[in-house]
Amino acid sequence: MVILRLAGLALVLVVSLLFAVFVGDQGPWYFAWVIGTVMIILISGAGAILFDAQTDDSAENEV
């Protein structure tokens, strides 16, 4: 199982290096775009979880 995980990480490393070589000088822009997109998704997911927890608490207090 450890070998499989190591092979997966090596594959991610190779794909990342090839991507960096192909995009050249625009690499930082693409990196910022990917990181920003991931952060927006994570923050909106956290907000949805907090909203759901808040509505569950208010529903329990009303009963």
C-alpha atoms as a PDB file:
ATOM      1  CA  MET A   1       0.000   0.000   0.000  1.00  0.00           C
ATOM      2  CA  VAL A   2       2.878   2.356   0.757  1.00  0.00           C
ATOM      3  CA  ILE A   3       4.406   1.651  -2.659  1.00  0.00           C
ATOM      4  CA  LEU A   4       1.125   2.554  -4.342  1.00  0.00           C
ATOM      5  CA  ARG A   5       0.925   5.845  -2.429  1.00  0.00           C
ATOM      6  CA  LEU A   6       4.545   6.632  -3.299  1.00  0.00           C
ATOM      7  CA  ALA A   7       3.880   5.904  -6.979  1.00  0.00           C
ATOM      8  CA  GLY A   8       0.843   8.202  -6.914  1.00  0.00           C
ATOM      9  CA  LEU A   9       2.867  11.023  -5.368  1.00  0.00           C
ATOM     10  CA  ALA A  10       5.621  10.500  -7.934  1.00  0.00           C
ATOM     11  CA  LEU A  11       3.046  10.739 -10.711  1.00  0.00           C
ATOM     12  CA  VAL A  12       1.680  13.987  -9.267  1.00  0.00           C
ATOM     13  CA  LEU A  13       5.229  15.346  -9.110  1.00  0.00           C
ATOM     14  CA  VAL A  14       5.933  14.469 -12.747  1.00  0.00           C
ATOM     15  CA  VAL A  15       2.648  15.990 -13.946  1.00  0.00           C
ATOM     16  CA  SER A  16       3.343  19.147 -11.931  1.00  0.00           C
ATOM     17  CA  LEU A  17       6.832  19.499 -13.371  1.00  0.00           C
ATOM     18  CA  LEU A  18       5.599  18.986 -16.929  1.00  0.00           C
ATOM     19  CA  PHE A  19       2.849  21.549 -16.349  1.00  0.00           C
ATOM     20  CA  ALA A  20       5.410  24.042 -15.012  1.00  0.00           C
ATOM     21  CA  VAL A  21       7.628  23.538 -18.057  1.00  0.00           C
ATOM     22  CA  PHE A  22       4.776  23.959 -20.540  1.00  0.00           C
ATOM     23  CA  VAL A  23       3.248  27.100 -19.031  1.00  0.00           C
ATOM     24  CA  GLY A  24       6.605  28.851 -18.666  1.00  0.00           C
ATOM     25  CA  ASP A  25       6.350  32.471 -17.534  1.00  0.00           C
ATOM     26  CA  GLN A  26       2.598  32.250 -16.952  1.00  0.00           C
ATOM     27  CA  GLY A  27       3.086  29.600 -14.264  1.00  0.00           C
ATOM     28  CA  PRO A  28       2.540  31.919 -11.271  1.00  0.00           C
ATOM     29  CA  TRP A  29      -0.756  33.129 -12.746  1.00  0.00           C
ATOM     30  CA  TYR A  30      -2.042  29.587 -13.225  1.00  0.00           C
ATOM     31  CA  PHE A  31      -0.808  28.623  -9.750  1.00  0.00           C
ATOM     32  CA  ALA A  32      -2.665  31.551  -8.175  1.00  0.00           C
ATOM     33  CA  TRP A  33      -5.787  30.697 -10.166  1.00  0.00           C
ATOM     34  CA  VAL A  34      -5.764  27.056  -9.009  1.00  0.00           C
ATOM     35  CA  ILE A  35      -5.064  27.975  -5.375  1.00  0.00           C
ATOM     36  CA  GLY A  36      -7.764  30.663  -5.445  1.00  0.00           C
ATOM     37  CA  THR A  37     -10.318  28.277  -6.903  1.00  0.00           C
ATOM     38  CA  VAL A  38      -9.554  25.648  -4.265  1.00  0.00           C
ATOM     39  CA  MET A  39      -9.786  28.245  -1.485  1.00  0.00           C
ATOM     40  CA  ILE A  40     -13.169  29.508  -2.757  1.00  0.00           C
ATOM     41  CA  ILE A  41     -14.515  25.958  -2.802  1.00  0.00           C
ATOM     42  CA  LEU A  42     -13.210  25.198   0.698  1.00  0.00           C
ATOM     43  CA  ILE A  43     -14.507  28.453   2.191  1.00  0.00           C
ATOM     44  CA  SER A  44     -17.952  28.028   0.615  1.00  0.00           C
ATOM     45  CA  GLY A  45     -18.087  24.433   1.870  1.00  0.00           C
ATOM     46  CA  ALA A  46     -17.177  25.553   5.380  1.00  0.00           C
ATOM     47  CA  GLY A  47     -19.848  28.249   5.199  1.00  0.00           C
ATOM     48  CA  ALA A  48     -22.441  25.693   4.142  1.00  0.00           C
ATOM     49  CA  ILE A  49     -21.490  23.420   7.030  1.00  0.00           C
ATOM     50  CA  LEU A  50     -21.689  26.291   9.520  1.00  0.00           C
ATOM     51  CA  PHE A  51     -25.058  27.382   8.102  1.00  0.00           C
ATOM     52  CA  ASP A  52     -26.396  23.836   8.388  1.00  0.00           C
ATOM     53  CA  ALA A  53     -25.196  23.583  11.988  1.00  0.00           C
ATOM     54  CA  GLN A  54     -26.747  26.957  12.783  1.00  0.00           C
ATOM     55  CA  THR A  55     -30.129  25.966  11.341  1.00  0.00           C
ATOM     56  CA  ASP A  56     -30.014  22.653  13.252  1.00  0.00           C
ATOM     57  CA  ASP A  57     -29.396  24.519  16.528  1.00  0.00           C
ATOM     58  CA  SER A  58     -32.238  26.963  15.930  1.00  0.00           C
ATOM     59  CA  ALA A  59     -34.627  24.121  15.059  1.00  0.00           C
ATOM     60  CA  GLU A  60     -33.770  22.300  18.314  1.00  0.00           C
ATOM     61  CA  ASN A  61     -34.284  25.457  20.394  1.00  0.00           C
ATOM     62  CA  GLU A  62     -37.754  26.095  18.929  1.00  0.00           C
ATOM     63  CA  VAL A  63     -39.119  22.674  19.899  1.00  0.00           C
END
